[in-house]
Amino acid sequence: MSKASPHRRVAAEKPRLPELPARRGAYAVVLDAALRLFAERGYGGTSVRDIATVAEVQPATLYAHFPSKAHVLAELVRIGHEVHQQRFREALLEVQPAPRLQLAAMVRAHVSMHADYPMLAVVANAELHALPAELAAPALQLRRESEQLLLEIVERGVRLGEFSVAQPWLAVAAIGSMGLRVANWYTPDLGMSADAVADAYVEFAWRIVGAKPQ
């Protein structure tokens, strides 16, 4: 079993982004370079010149695609939140409308996104605060929508008697928070599949909401 250095913020060593139609040429190279640097050093510890150097382009090429370093971060943060919400919505389409099953599907989607795109997840969550309000707004809206999807499932489970939790919003916060950390520590080298991690987190989530045993 190999382990990442304890000094690394994210265990993953290679940047990975979803395949998007616009991701080609210098635009894609800049995003890949920025993703690695923001994940490893943080937004504040990365300069435009650092990104250009890793991407092997001139700073002018970067500025031809992004007006500023903040716009590079905003694009990564937006992509991360879009992928996350897409996983949520796809999960709900594939499961029966029972709160217990819906919660399990959402947790698996949450964990799998953070395991599949760890650097993207770390940047989208940990560096969101660095964006000015107007650039953060699209991602914040997506985040609110995703949180609401999960909250509605937990609240409905309480109404139907499937869950027993006094403060559904707090349960949602706990479930969301524990999933976020998967991006920091998970790597296939640990000898545990992402699916196995997701299954374990489903059990944790059921306990958090007081799911009735079946």
N, C-alpha and C. Protein backbone atom coordinates (compact mmCIF):
# COMPACT_ATOMS: atom_id res chain seq x y z
N MET A 1 0.85 -1.19 0.00
CA MET A 1 0.00 0.00 0.00
C MET A 1 0.89 1.24 0.00
N SER A 2 0.72 2.11 -0.97
CA SER A 2 1.49 3.35 -1.01
C SER A 2 0.64 4.49 -0.50
N LYS A 3 1.28 5.46 0.09
CA LYS A 3 0.57 6.61 0.63
C LYS A 3 1.22 7.88 0.11
N ALA A 4 0.38 8.91 -0.12
CA ALA A 4 0.90 10.21 -0.53
C ALA A 4 1.62 10.86 0.64
N SER A 5 2.49 11.79 0.33
CA SER A 5 3.18 12.53 1.38
C SER A 5 2.17 13.23 2.28
N PRO A 6 2.37 13.18 3.61
CA PRO A 6 1.44 13.84 4.52
C PRO A 6 1.44 15.35 4.34
N HIS A 7 2.42 15.89 3.63
CA HIS A 7 2.50 17.33 3.43
C HIS A 7 1.70 17.78 2.21
N ARG A 8 1.21 16.85 1.42
CA ARG A 8 0.42 17.19 0.24
C ARG A 8 -1.02 17.48 0.63
N ARG A 9 -1.62 18.49 0.00
CA ARG A 9 -3.01 18.82 0.29
C ARG A 9 -3.97 17.84 -0.36
N VAL A 10 -3.53 17.21 -1.45
CA VAL A 10 -4.36 16.25 -2.15
C VAL A 10 -3.50 15.05 -2.52
N ALA A 11 -4.02 13.85 -2.31
CA ALA A 11 -3.23 12.64 -2.55
C ALA A 11 -2.97 12.41 -4.03
N ALA A 12 -3.93 12.79 -4.87
CA ALA A 12 -3.78 12.59 -6.32
C ALA A 12 -2.59 13.39 -6.84
N GLU A 13 -1.91 12.83 -7.83
CA GLU A 13 -0.72 13.48 -8.36
C GLU A 13 -0.89 13.96 -9.80
N LYS A 14 -1.99 13.58 -10.45
CA LYS A 14 -2.22 13.99 -11.83
C LYS A 14 -3.55 14.74 -11.94
N PRO A 15 -3.56 15.87 -12.64
CA PRO A 15 -4.82 16.59 -12.81
C PRO A 15 -5.75 15.84 -13.76
N ARG A 16 -7.03 15.89 -13.46
CA ARG A 16 -8.02 15.26 -14.33
C ARG A 16 -9.25 16.14 -14.41
N LEU A 17 -9.66 16.43 -15.64
CA LEU A 17 -10.87 17.21 -15.87
C LEU A 17 -11.82 16.41 -16.76
N PRO A 18 -13.11 16.64 -16.64
CA PRO A 18 -14.05 15.95 -17.53
C PRO A 18 -13.86 16.38 -18.96
N GLU A 19 -14.23 15.54 -19.88
CA GLU A 19 -14.14 15.88 -21.29
C GLU A 19 -15.27 16.84 -21.65
N LEU A 20 -14.89 18.05 -22.05
CA LEU A 20 -15.86 19.06 -22.42
C LEU A 20 -15.56 19.55 -23.84
N PRO A 21 -16.60 19.89 -24.60
CA PRO A 21 -16.38 20.32 -25.99
C PRO A 21 -15.40 21.47 -26.13
N ALA A 22 -15.42 22.40 -25.18
CA ALA A 22 -14.56 23.58 -25.29
C ALA A 22 -13.12 23.32 -24.84
N ARG A 23 -12.87 22.15 -24.23
CA ARG A 23 -11.55 21.88 -23.69
C ARG A 23 -10.62 21.37 -24.79
N ARG A 24 -9.97 22.28 -25.44
CA ARG A 24 -9.01 21.90 -26.48
C ARG A 24 -7.97 23.01 -26.59
N GLY A 25 -6.84 22.67 -27.18
CA GLY A 25 -5.80 23.64 -27.43
C GLY A 25 -5.26 24.28 -26.17
N ALA A 26 -4.86 25.54 -26.29
CA ALA A 26 -4.25 26.26 -25.18
C ALA A 26 -5.20 26.39 -23.99
N TYR A 27 -6.49 26.52 -24.27
CA TYR A 27 -7.48 26.63 -23.20
C TYR A 27 -7.39 25.41 -22.27
N ALA A 28 -7.34 24.22 -22.85
CA ALA A 28 -7.28 23.00 -22.07
C ALA A 28 -5.95 22.88 -21.34
N VAL A 29 -4.88 23.23 -21.99
CA VAL A 29 -3.55 23.12 -21.38
C VAL A 29 -3.44 24.05 -20.18
N VAL A 30 -3.96 25.26 -20.32
CA VAL A 30 -3.93 26.22 -19.21
C VAL A 30 -4.76 25.71 -18.04
N LEU A 31 -5.94 25.19 -18.31
CA LEU A 31 -6.78 24.68 -17.23
C LEU A 31 -6.12 23.51 -16.50
N ASP A 32 -5.51 22.61 -17.24
CA ASP A 32 -4.83 21.47 -16.62
C ASP A 32 -3.69 21.94 -15.71
N ALA A 33 -2.91 22.90 -16.21
CA ALA A 33 -1.79 23.41 -15.43
C ALA A 33 -2.28 24.14 -14.18
N ALA A 34 -3.30 24.96 -14.35
CA ALA A 34 -3.83 25.71 -13.22
C ALA A 34 -4.44 24.78 -12.18
N LEU A 35 -5.11 23.74 -12.65
CA LEU A 35 -5.72 22.79 -11.73
C LEU A 35 -4.67 22.15 -10.84
N ARG A 36 -3.59 21.69 -11.44
CA ARG A 36 -2.53 21.07 -10.65
C ARG A 36 -1.95 22.06 -9.62
N LEU A 37 -1.66 23.26 -10.07
CA LEU A 37 -1.03 24.24 -9.20
C LEU A 37 -1.96 24.72 -8.09
N PHE A 38 -3.22 25.01 -8.44
CA PHE A 38 -4.17 25.46 -7.43
C PHE A 38 -4.41 24.36 -6.39
N ALA A 39 -4.45 23.11 -6.84
CA ALA A 39 -4.69 22.00 -5.92
C ALA A 39 -3.51 21.79 -4.99
N GLU A 40 -2.31 21.93 -5.51
CA GLU A 40 -1.11 21.64 -4.71
C GLU A 40 -0.63 22.85 -3.91
N ARG A 41 -0.69 24.04 -4.50
CA ARG A 41 -0.14 25.23 -3.84
C ARG A 41 -1.20 26.18 -3.31
N GLY A 42 -2.43 26.04 -3.80
CA GLY A 42 -3.46 27.00 -3.47
C GLY A 42 -3.46 28.15 -4.47
N TYR A 43 -4.59 28.82 -4.55
CA TYR A 43 -4.73 29.94 -5.49
C TYR A 43 -3.75 31.05 -5.16
N GLY A 44 -3.65 31.39 -3.86
CA GLY A 44 -2.76 32.48 -3.46
C GLY A 44 -1.29 32.19 -3.68
N GLY A 45 -0.93 30.90 -3.72
CA GLY A 45 0.46 30.54 -3.90
C GLY A 45 0.85 30.30 -5.35
N THR A 46 -0.04 30.63 -6.27
CA THR A 46 0.20 30.40 -7.69
C THR A 46 0.09 31.71 -8.46
N SER A 47 1.06 31.97 -9.31
CA SER A 47 1.03 33.18 -10.14
C SER A 47 0.66 32.83 -11.58
N VAL A 48 0.31 33.85 -12.34
CA VAL A 48 0.04 33.64 -13.77
C VAL A 48 1.27 33.08 -14.46
N ARG A 49 2.43 33.55 -14.07
CA ARG A 49 3.66 33.04 -14.67
C ARG A 49 3.88 31.57 -14.34
N ASP A 50 3.52 31.17 -13.11
CA ASP A 50 3.61 29.75 -12.75
C ASP A 50 2.74 28.90 -13.67
N ILE A 51 1.52 29.35 -13.89
CA ILE A 51 0.59 28.60 -14.75
C ILE A 51 1.13 28.51 -16.16
N ALA A 52 1.60 29.65 -16.67
CA ALA A 52 2.13 29.67 -18.03
C ALA A 52 3.34 28.76 -18.18
N THR A 53 4.19 28.74 -17.16
CA THR A 53 5.39 27.90 -17.21
C THR A 53 5.03 26.43 -17.26
N VAL A 54 4.11 25.99 -16.38
CA VAL A 54 3.71 24.59 -16.35
C VAL A 54 2.96 24.22 -17.63
N ALA A 55 2.16 25.15 -18.14
CA ALA A 55 1.41 24.89 -19.37
C ALA A 55 2.28 25.00 -20.63
N GLU A 56 3.49 25.54 -20.45
CA GLU A 56 4.43 25.74 -21.57
C GLU A 56 3.83 26.66 -22.63
N VAL A 57 3.24 27.76 -22.14
CA VAL A 57 2.73 28.79 -23.03
C VAL A 57 3.22 30.14 -22.51
N GLN A 58 3.10 31.15 -23.34
CA GLN A 58 3.43 32.50 -22.92
C GLN A 58 2.26 33.07 -22.11
N PRO A 59 2.56 33.97 -21.14
CA PRO A 59 1.46 34.60 -20.40
C PRO A 59 0.42 35.24 -21.31
N ALA A 60 0.88 35.79 -22.44
CA ALA A 60 -0.06 36.41 -23.37
C ALA A 60 -1.07 35.40 -23.92
N THR A 61 -0.63 34.15 -24.07
CA THR A 61 -1.54 33.10 -24.54
C THR A 61 -2.61 32.82 -23.50
N LEU A 62 -2.20 32.81 -22.24
CA LEU A 62 -3.17 32.60 -21.16
C LEU A 62 -4.20 33.72 -21.18
N TYR A 63 -3.72 34.96 -21.29
CA TYR A 63 -4.64 36.10 -21.27
C TYR A 63 -5.54 36.15 -22.49
N ALA A 64 -5.16 35.46 -23.54
CA ALA A 64 -6.03 35.41 -24.73
C ALA A 64 -7.29 34.58 -24.46
N HIS A 65 -7.21 33.70 -23.45
CA HIS A 65 -8.34 32.84 -23.11
C HIS A 65 -9.02 33.25 -21.81
N PHE A 66 -8.26 33.84 -20.89
CA PHE A 66 -8.80 34.22 -19.59
C PHE A 66 -8.34 35.64 -19.25
N PRO A 67 -9.26 36.52 -18.88
CA PRO A 67 -8.88 37.91 -18.56
C PRO A 67 -7.94 38.04 -17.36
N SER A 68 -7.99 37.06 -16.45
CA SER A 68 -7.19 37.14 -15.24
C SER A 68 -7.03 35.77 -14.62
N LYS A 69 -6.15 35.68 -13.63
CA LYS A 69 -5.99 34.42 -12.90
C LYS A 69 -7.30 34.03 -12.21
N ALA A 70 -8.04 35.03 -11.72
CA ALA A 70 -9.31 34.75 -11.07
C ALA A 70 -10.30 34.09 -12.02
N HIS A 71 -10.26 34.48 -13.29
CA HIS A 71 -11.16 33.87 -14.27
C HIS A 71 -10.79 32.41 -14.55
N VAL A 72 -9.51 32.08 -14.45
CA VAL A 72 -9.09 30.69 -14.59
C VAL A 72 -9.67 29.88 -13.44
N LEU A 73 -9.51 30.40 -12.22
CA LEU A 73 -10.06 29.72 -11.05
C LEU A 73 -11.58 29.59 -11.16
N ALA A 74 -12.24 30.66 -11.58
CA ALA A 74 -13.70 30.64 -11.68
C ALA A 74 -14.17 29.56 -12.65
N GLU A 75 -13.44 29.36 -13.73
CA GLU A 75 -13.82 28.33 -14.70
C GLU A 75 -13.69 26.94 -14.08
N LEU A 76 -12.62 26.70 -13.35
CA LEU A 76 -12.43 25.41 -12.70
C LEU A 76 -13.48 25.17 -11.62
N VAL A 77 -13.77 26.18 -10.85
CA VAL A 77 -14.77 26.07 -9.79
C VAL A 77 -16.15 25.79 -10.39
N ARG A 78 -16.47 26.49 -11.47
CA ARG A 78 -17.76 26.26 -12.13
C ARG A 78 -17.86 24.84 -12.68
N ILE A 79 -16.81 24.38 -13.35
CA ILE A 79 -16.81 23.03 -13.89
C ILE A 79 -17.00 22.00 -12.78
N GLY A 80 -16.29 22.19 -11.68
CA GLY A 80 -16.41 21.26 -10.56
C GLY A 80 -17.83 21.18 -10.03
N HIS A 81 -18.46 22.32 -9.84
CA HIS A 81 -19.83 22.32 -9.32
C HIS A 81 -20.82 21.79 -10.34
N GLU A 82 -20.58 22.04 -11.61
CA GLU A 82 -21.48 21.50 -12.64
C GLU A 82 -21.40 19.98 -12.71
N VAL A 83 -20.19 19.44 -12.66
CA VAL A 83 -20.03 17.99 -12.69
C VAL A 83 -20.69 17.36 -11.47
N HIS A 84 -20.51 17.98 -10.32
CA HIS A 84 -21.08 17.47 -9.08
C HIS A 84 -22.61 17.44 -9.17
N GLN A 85 -23.21 18.54 -9.62
CA GLN A 85 -24.67 18.56 -9.70
C GLN A 85 -25.19 17.59 -10.76
N GLN A 86 -24.46 17.46 -11.85
CA GLN A 86 -24.86 16.50 -12.89
C GLN A 86 -24.87 15.09 -12.32
N ARG A 87 -23.86 14.75 -11.51
CA ARG A 87 -23.83 13.43 -10.89
C ARG A 87 -25.05 13.24 -9.98
N PHE A 88 -25.41 14.27 -9.24
CA PHE A 88 -26.58 14.21 -8.36
C PHE A 88 -27.84 13.92 -9.16
N ARG A 89 -28.05 14.69 -10.21
CA ARG A 89 -29.30 14.58 -10.98
C ARG A 89 -29.37 13.24 -11.71
N GLU A 90 -28.26 12.78 -12.22
CA GLU A 90 -28.25 11.48 -12.88
C GLU A 90 -28.54 10.37 -11.88
N ALA A 91 -28.02 10.50 -10.68
CA ALA A 91 -28.25 9.49 -9.65
C ALA A 91 -29.73 9.38 -9.31
N LEU A 92 -30.40 10.52 -9.23
CA LEU A 92 -31.83 10.50 -8.88
C LEU A 92 -32.68 9.90 -9.99
N LEU A 93 -32.24 10.05 -11.22
CA LEU A 93 -33.00 9.50 -12.34
C LEU A 93 -32.93 7.98 -12.39
N GLU A 94 -31.90 7.42 -11.76
CA GLU A 94 -31.65 5.98 -11.86
C GLU A 94 -32.13 5.18 -10.66
N VAL A 95 -32.85 5.83 -9.74
CA VAL A 95 -33.25 5.14 -8.51
C VAL A 95 -34.73 5.36 -8.24
N GLN A 96 -35.33 4.43 -7.51
CA GLN A 96 -36.74 4.56 -7.14
C GLN A 96 -36.91 5.73 -6.15
N PRO A 97 -38.08 6.38 -6.15
CA PRO A 97 -38.29 7.58 -5.33
C PRO A 97 -38.54 7.29 -3.85
N ALA A 98 -37.73 6.45 -3.27
CA ALA A 98 -37.80 6.20 -1.83
C ALA A 98 -36.64 6.94 -1.18
N PRO A 99 -36.89 7.74 -0.13
CA PRO A 99 -35.83 8.55 0.47
C PRO A 99 -34.56 7.76 0.84
N ARG A 100 -34.72 6.57 1.37
CA ARG A 100 -33.54 5.78 1.75
C ARG A 100 -32.68 5.49 0.52
N LEU A 101 -33.31 5.08 -0.57
CA LEU A 101 -32.58 4.75 -1.79
C LEU A 101 -32.04 6.00 -2.46
N GLN A 102 -32.81 7.08 -2.42
CA GLN A 102 -32.34 8.33 -3.02
C GLN A 102 -31.13 8.88 -2.27
N LEU A 103 -31.17 8.81 -0.95
CA LEU A 103 -30.03 9.28 -0.16
C LEU A 103 -28.80 8.45 -0.49
N ALA A 104 -28.96 7.14 -0.59
CA ALA A 104 -27.83 6.28 -0.94
C ALA A 104 -27.25 6.65 -2.30
N ALA A 105 -28.14 6.89 -3.27
CA ALA A 105 -27.68 7.25 -4.61
C ALA A 105 -26.94 8.58 -4.61
N MET A 106 -27.46 9.54 -3.84
CA MET A 106 -26.82 10.86 -3.78
C MET A 106 -25.45 10.78 -3.11
N VAL A 107 -25.35 10.00 -2.05
CA VAL A 107 -24.07 9.86 -1.35
C VAL A 107 -23.04 9.19 -2.27
N ARG A 108 -23.48 8.16 -2.99
CA ARG A 108 -22.55 7.50 -3.92
C ARG A 108 -22.09 8.47 -5.00
N ALA A 109 -23.00 9.30 -5.50
CA ALA A 109 -22.63 10.29 -6.52
C ALA A 109 -21.66 11.31 -5.94
N HIS A 110 -21.92 11.73 -4.71
CA HIS A 110 -21.07 12.72 -4.03
C HIS A 110 -19.65 12.18 -3.85
N VAL A 111 -19.56 10.97 -3.35
CA VAL A 111 -18.24 10.37 -3.11
C VAL A 111 -17.53 10.08 -4.43
N SER A 112 -18.24 9.54 -5.41
CA SER A 112 -17.59 9.17 -6.66
C SER A 112 -17.03 10.40 -7.39
N MET A 113 -17.75 11.52 -7.34
CA MET A 113 -17.23 12.72 -7.99
C MET A 113 -15.92 13.15 -7.34
N HIS A 114 -15.89 13.13 -6.01
CA HIS A 114 -14.68 13.56 -5.31
C HIS A 114 -13.53 12.56 -5.46
N ALA A 115 -13.85 11.30 -5.69
CA ALA A 115 -12.81 10.30 -5.93
C ALA A 115 -12.33 10.33 -7.38
N ASP A 116 -13.23 10.60 -8.31
CA ASP A 116 -12.88 10.62 -9.74
C ASP A 116 -12.12 11.88 -10.14
N TYR A 117 -12.46 12.99 -9.52
CA TYR A 117 -11.85 14.28 -9.87
C TYR A 117 -11.33 14.98 -8.61
N PRO A 118 -10.36 14.36 -7.92
CA PRO A 118 -9.93 14.89 -6.62
C PRO A 118 -9.34 16.30 -6.67
N MET A 119 -8.48 16.57 -7.64
CA MET A 119 -7.91 17.92 -7.70
C MET A 119 -8.99 18.95 -8.00
N LEU A 120 -9.88 18.62 -8.92
CA LEU A 120 -10.96 19.54 -9.26
C LEU A 120 -11.85 19.79 -8.05
N ALA A 121 -12.16 18.74 -7.31
CA ALA A 121 -13.01 18.89 -6.13
C ALA A 121 -12.33 19.74 -5.06
N VAL A 122 -11.05 19.52 -4.83
CA VAL A 122 -10.32 20.31 -3.83
C VAL A 122 -10.32 21.78 -4.21
N VAL A 123 -10.04 22.06 -5.47
CA VAL A 123 -10.00 23.45 -5.92
C VAL A 123 -11.40 24.07 -5.84
N ALA A 124 -12.41 23.36 -6.31
CA ALA A 124 -13.77 23.90 -6.33
C ALA A 124 -14.27 24.22 -4.93
N ASN A 125 -13.85 23.43 -3.95
CA ASN A 125 -14.32 23.65 -2.58
C ASN A 125 -13.40 24.56 -1.77
N ALA A 126 -12.11 24.32 -1.84
CA ALA A 126 -11.19 25.04 -0.97
C ALA A 126 -10.82 26.43 -1.47
N GLU A 127 -10.93 26.66 -2.77
CA GLU A 127 -10.51 27.95 -3.33
C GLU A 127 -11.68 28.84 -3.74
N LEU A 128 -12.90 28.38 -3.56
CA LEU A 128 -14.07 29.18 -3.93
C LEU A 128 -14.06 30.54 -3.24
N HIS A 129 -13.59 30.54 -2.00
CA HIS A 129 -13.58 31.78 -1.21
C HIS A 129 -12.70 32.87 -1.82
N ALA A 130 -11.73 32.48 -2.65
CA ALA A 130 -10.79 33.44 -3.22
C ALA A 130 -11.39 34.25 -4.36
N LEU A 131 -12.55 33.83 -4.86
CA LEU A 131 -13.16 34.51 -6.00
C LEU A 131 -13.96 35.73 -5.57
N PRO A 132 -13.92 36.79 -6.37
CA PRO A 132 -14.84 37.91 -6.12
C PRO A 132 -16.27 37.46 -6.31
N ALA A 133 -17.20 38.16 -5.70
CA ALA A 133 -18.59 37.72 -5.65
C ALA A 133 -19.18 37.42 -7.02
N GLU A 134 -18.88 38.27 -8.00
CA GLU A 134 -19.51 38.08 -9.32
C GLU A 134 -19.00 36.83 -10.02
N LEU A 135 -17.75 36.44 -9.76
CA LEU A 135 -17.21 35.23 -10.37
C LEU A 135 -17.61 33.97 -9.59
N ALA A 136 -17.85 34.12 -8.30
CA ALA A 136 -18.26 32.98 -7.48
C ALA A 136 -19.74 32.66 -7.64
N ALA A 137 -20.53 33.61 -8.09
CA ALA A 137 -21.99 33.47 -8.10
C ALA A 137 -22.50 32.23 -8.83
N PRO A 138 -22.02 31.90 -10.05
CA PRO A 138 -22.54 30.71 -10.73
C PRO A 138 -22.32 29.42 -9.93
N ALA A 139 -21.15 29.28 -9.34
CA ALA A 139 -20.87 28.07 -8.56
C ALA A 139 -21.69 28.04 -7.28
N LEU A 140 -21.86 29.18 -6.65
CA LEU A 140 -22.65 29.23 -5.42
C LEU A 140 -24.11 28.86 -5.68
N GLN A 141 -24.62 29.28 -6.82
CA GLN A 141 -25.99 28.92 -7.17
C GLN A 141 -26.11 27.41 -7.37
N LEU A 142 -25.14 26.82 -8.07
CA LEU A 142 -25.15 25.37 -8.26
C LEU A 142 -25.05 24.64 -6.92
N ARG A 143 -24.23 25.17 -6.02
CA ARG A 143 -24.06 24.54 -4.71
C ARG A 143 -25.37 24.59 -3.92
N ARG A 144 -26.03 25.74 -3.95
CA ARG A 144 -27.30 25.84 -3.23
C ARG A 144 -28.33 24.86 -3.79
N GLU A 145 -28.37 24.73 -5.09
CA GLU A 145 -29.33 23.79 -5.71
C GLU A 145 -29.04 22.35 -5.32
N SER A 146 -27.75 21.99 -5.30
CA SER A 146 -27.38 20.63 -4.93
C SER A 146 -27.71 20.34 -3.47
N GLU A 147 -27.41 21.31 -2.60
CA GLU A 147 -27.72 21.14 -1.19
C GLU A 147 -29.22 21.00 -0.98
N GLN A 148 -30.01 21.77 -1.75
CA GLN A 148 -31.46 21.71 -1.62
C GLN A 148 -31.99 20.35 -2.05
N LEU A 149 -31.41 19.77 -3.10
CA LEU A 149 -31.82 18.44 -3.54
C LEU A 149 -31.66 17.42 -2.41
N LEU A 150 -30.52 17.48 -1.76
CA LEU A 150 -30.25 16.54 -0.67
C LEU A 150 -31.14 16.82 0.54
N LEU A 151 -31.33 18.10 0.85
CA LEU A 151 -32.16 18.46 2.00
C LEU A 151 -33.60 17.99 1.81
N GLU A 152 -34.12 18.14 0.61
CA GLU A 152 -35.50 17.72 0.35
C GLU A 152 -35.67 16.22 0.54
N ILE A 153 -34.65 15.45 0.19
CA ILE A 153 -34.72 14.00 0.38
C ILE A 153 -34.75 13.66 1.86
N VAL A 154 -33.88 14.30 2.63
CA VAL A 154 -33.83 14.01 4.07
C VAL A 154 -35.13 14.46 4.74
N GLU A 155 -35.62 15.63 4.39
CA GLU A 155 -36.86 16.12 5.00
C GLU A 155 -38.05 15.21 4.65
N ARG A 156 -38.10 14.73 3.43
CA ARG A 156 -39.18 13.83 3.03
C ARG A 156 -39.07 12.50 3.78
N GLY A 157 -37.82 12.05 3.96
CA GLY A 157 -37.62 10.82 4.73
C GLY A 157 -38.11 10.95 6.15
N VAL A 158 -37.92 12.13 6.73
CA VAL A 158 -38.42 12.37 8.10
C VAL A 158 -39.94 12.36 8.11
N ARG A 159 -40.55 13.04 7.13
CA ARG A 159 -42.02 13.09 7.08
C ARG A 159 -42.63 11.71 6.91
N LEU A 160 -41.97 10.86 6.15
CA LEU A 160 -42.48 9.52 5.88
C LEU A 160 -42.13 8.51 6.98
N GLY A 161 -41.35 8.96 7.94
CA GLY A 161 -40.97 8.07 9.03
C GLY A 161 -39.82 7.14 8.70
N GLU A 162 -39.15 7.37 7.55
CA GLU A 162 -37.99 6.53 7.18
C GLU A 162 -36.72 6.99 7.88
N PHE A 163 -36.66 8.30 8.20
CA PHE A 163 -35.50 8.87 8.89
C PHE A 163 -35.96 9.48 10.21
N SER A 164 -35.03 9.55 11.16
CA SER A 164 -35.32 10.17 12.44
C SER A 164 -34.14 11.07 12.81
N VAL A 165 -34.25 12.34 12.43
CA VAL A 165 -33.20 13.30 12.73
C VAL A 165 -33.86 14.64 13.02
N ALA A 166 -33.44 15.27 14.12
CA ALA A 166 -34.09 16.50 14.57
C ALA A 166 -33.82 17.69 13.66
N GLN A 167 -32.64 17.73 13.10
CA GLN A 167 -32.26 18.89 12.28
C GLN A 167 -31.74 18.39 10.92
N PRO A 168 -32.62 18.23 9.96
CA PRO A 168 -32.22 17.73 8.65
C PRO A 168 -31.09 18.53 8.00
N TRP A 169 -31.12 19.84 8.15
CA TRP A 169 -30.09 20.67 7.51
C TRP A 169 -28.71 20.36 8.08
N LEU A 170 -28.67 20.04 9.38
CA LEU A 170 -27.39 19.71 10.01
C LEU A 170 -26.90 18.35 9.52
N ALA A 171 -27.82 17.43 9.33
CA ALA A 171 -27.46 16.12 8.79
C ALA A 171 -26.90 16.26 7.38
N VAL A 172 -27.53 17.11 6.58
CA VAL A 172 -27.05 17.34 5.22
C VAL A 172 -25.65 17.95 5.24
N ALA A 173 -25.42 18.89 6.16
CA ALA A 173 -24.10 19.50 6.27
C ALA A 173 -23.04 18.46 6.63
N ALA A 174 -23.38 17.56 7.55
CA ALA A 174 -22.43 16.53 7.97
C ALA A 174 -22.14 15.56 6.84
N ILE A 175 -23.18 15.14 6.13
CA ILE A 175 -22.99 14.21 5.01
C ILE A 175 -22.16 14.85 3.91
N GLY A 176 -22.46 16.10 3.60
CA GLY A 176 -21.70 16.79 2.57
C GLY A 176 -20.25 16.97 2.96
N SER A 177 -20.01 17.35 4.21
CA SER A 177 -18.64 17.60 4.66
C SER A 177 -17.77 16.36 4.64
N MET A 178 -18.32 15.23 5.07
CA MET A 178 -17.49 14.02 5.11
C MET A 178 -17.14 13.57 3.69
N GLY A 179 -18.02 13.83 2.73
CA GLY A 179 -17.72 13.46 1.35
C GLY A 179 -16.64 14.34 0.73
N LEU A 180 -16.61 15.60 1.13
CA LEU A 180 -15.61 16.52 0.56
C LEU A 180 -14.19 16.03 0.81
N ARG A 181 -13.94 15.46 1.96
CA ARG A 181 -12.58 15.07 2.33
C ARG A 181 -12.06 13.88 1.53
N VAL A 182 -12.95 13.15 0.88
CA VAL A 182 -12.50 12.04 0.03
C VAL A 182 -11.50 12.53 -1.01
N ALA A 183 -11.73 13.73 -1.53
CA ALA A 183 -10.85 14.28 -2.55
C ALA A 183 -9.43 14.48 -2.04
N ASN A 184 -9.28 14.71 -0.75
CA ASN A 184 -7.95 14.96 -0.19
C ASN A 184 -7.14 13.68 0.02
N TRP A 185 -7.83 12.62 0.46
CA TRP A 185 -7.06 11.45 0.88
C TRP A 185 -7.17 10.25 -0.04
N TYR A 186 -8.22 10.19 -0.87
CA TYR A 186 -8.42 8.95 -1.62
C TYR A 186 -7.49 8.82 -2.81
N THR A 187 -6.98 7.62 -2.97
CA THR A 187 -6.22 7.22 -4.15
C THR A 187 -6.40 5.71 -4.31
N PRO A 188 -6.51 5.21 -5.53
CA PRO A 188 -6.66 3.75 -5.71
C PRO A 188 -5.51 2.95 -5.11
N ASP A 189 -4.36 3.60 -4.91
CA ASP A 189 -3.21 2.91 -4.32
C ASP A 189 -3.47 2.46 -2.89
N LEU A 190 -4.52 2.97 -2.27
CA LEU A 190 -4.82 2.56 -0.90
C LEU A 190 -5.35 1.13 -0.84
N GLY A 191 -5.69 0.57 -2.02
CA GLY A 191 -6.17 -0.80 -2.06
C GLY A 191 -7.66 -0.94 -1.81
N MET A 192 -8.38 0.16 -1.91
CA MET A 192 -9.83 0.16 -1.72
C MET A 192 -10.45 0.90 -2.89
N SER A 193 -11.45 0.31 -3.51
CA SER A 193 -12.06 0.95 -4.67
C SER A 193 -12.92 2.12 -4.24
N ALA A 194 -13.14 3.04 -5.17
CA ALA A 194 -14.02 4.18 -4.88
C ALA A 194 -15.43 3.71 -4.58
N ASP A 195 -15.87 2.63 -5.23
CA ASP A 195 -17.20 2.09 -4.96
C ASP A 195 -17.31 1.58 -3.52
N ALA A 196 -16.25 0.97 -3.05
CA ALA A 196 -16.26 0.45 -1.68
C ALA A 196 -16.31 1.61 -0.68
N VAL A 197 -15.57 2.67 -0.97
CA VAL A 197 -15.62 3.86 -0.12
C VAL A 197 -17.03 4.43 -0.11
N ALA A 198 -17.63 4.53 -1.30
CA ALA A 198 -18.98 5.07 -1.42
C ALA A 198 -19.98 4.23 -0.63
N ASP A 199 -19.85 2.91 -0.71
CA ASP A 199 -20.75 2.03 0.04
C ASP A 199 -20.63 2.28 1.54
N ALA A 200 -19.41 2.46 2.01
CA ALA A 200 -19.20 2.72 3.43
C ALA A 200 -19.83 4.05 3.84
N TYR A 201 -19.68 5.05 2.97
CA TYR A 201 -20.23 6.37 3.28
C TYR A 201 -21.76 6.35 3.26
N VAL A 202 -22.35 5.49 2.46
CA VAL A 202 -23.81 5.34 2.48
C VAL A 202 -24.25 4.87 3.86
N GLU A 203 -23.53 3.90 4.41
CA GLU A 203 -23.86 3.40 5.75
C GLU A 203 -23.72 4.52 6.78
N PHE A 204 -22.66 5.32 6.66
CA PHE A 204 -22.48 6.44 7.58
C PHE A 204 -23.64 7.43 7.46
N ALA A 205 -24.04 7.73 6.23
CA ALA A 205 -25.12 8.69 6.00
C ALA A 205 -26.44 8.18 6.58
N TRP A 206 -26.73 6.91 6.41
CA TRP A 206 -27.96 6.35 6.98
C TRP A 206 -27.97 6.49 8.51
N ARG A 207 -26.81 6.31 9.11
CA ARG A 207 -26.74 6.46 10.57
C ARG A 207 -26.97 7.91 10.97
N ILE A 208 -26.40 8.84 10.20
CA ILE A 208 -26.55 10.26 10.51
C ILE A 208 -28.01 10.68 10.50
N VAL A 209 -28.77 10.18 9.53
CA VAL A 209 -30.19 10.58 9.44
C VAL A 209 -31.11 9.67 10.24
N GLY A 210 -30.54 8.68 10.91
CA GLY A 210 -31.36 7.77 11.70
C GLY A 210 -32.28 6.92 10.85
N ALA A 211 -31.75 6.40 9.74
CA ALA A 211 -32.56 5.58 8.84
C ALA A 211 -33.03 4.32 9.55
N LYS A 212 -34.29 4.00 9.35
CA LYS A 212 -34.85 2.80 9.96
C LYS A 212 -34.24 1.56 9.32
N PRO A 213 -33.87 0.56 10.10
CA PRO A 213 -33.31 -0.67 9.52
C PRO A 213 -34.32 -1.38 8.64
N GLN A 214 -33.84 -2.03 7.61
CA GLN A 214 -34.72 -2.76 6.70
C GLN A 214 -34.65 -4.26 6.96
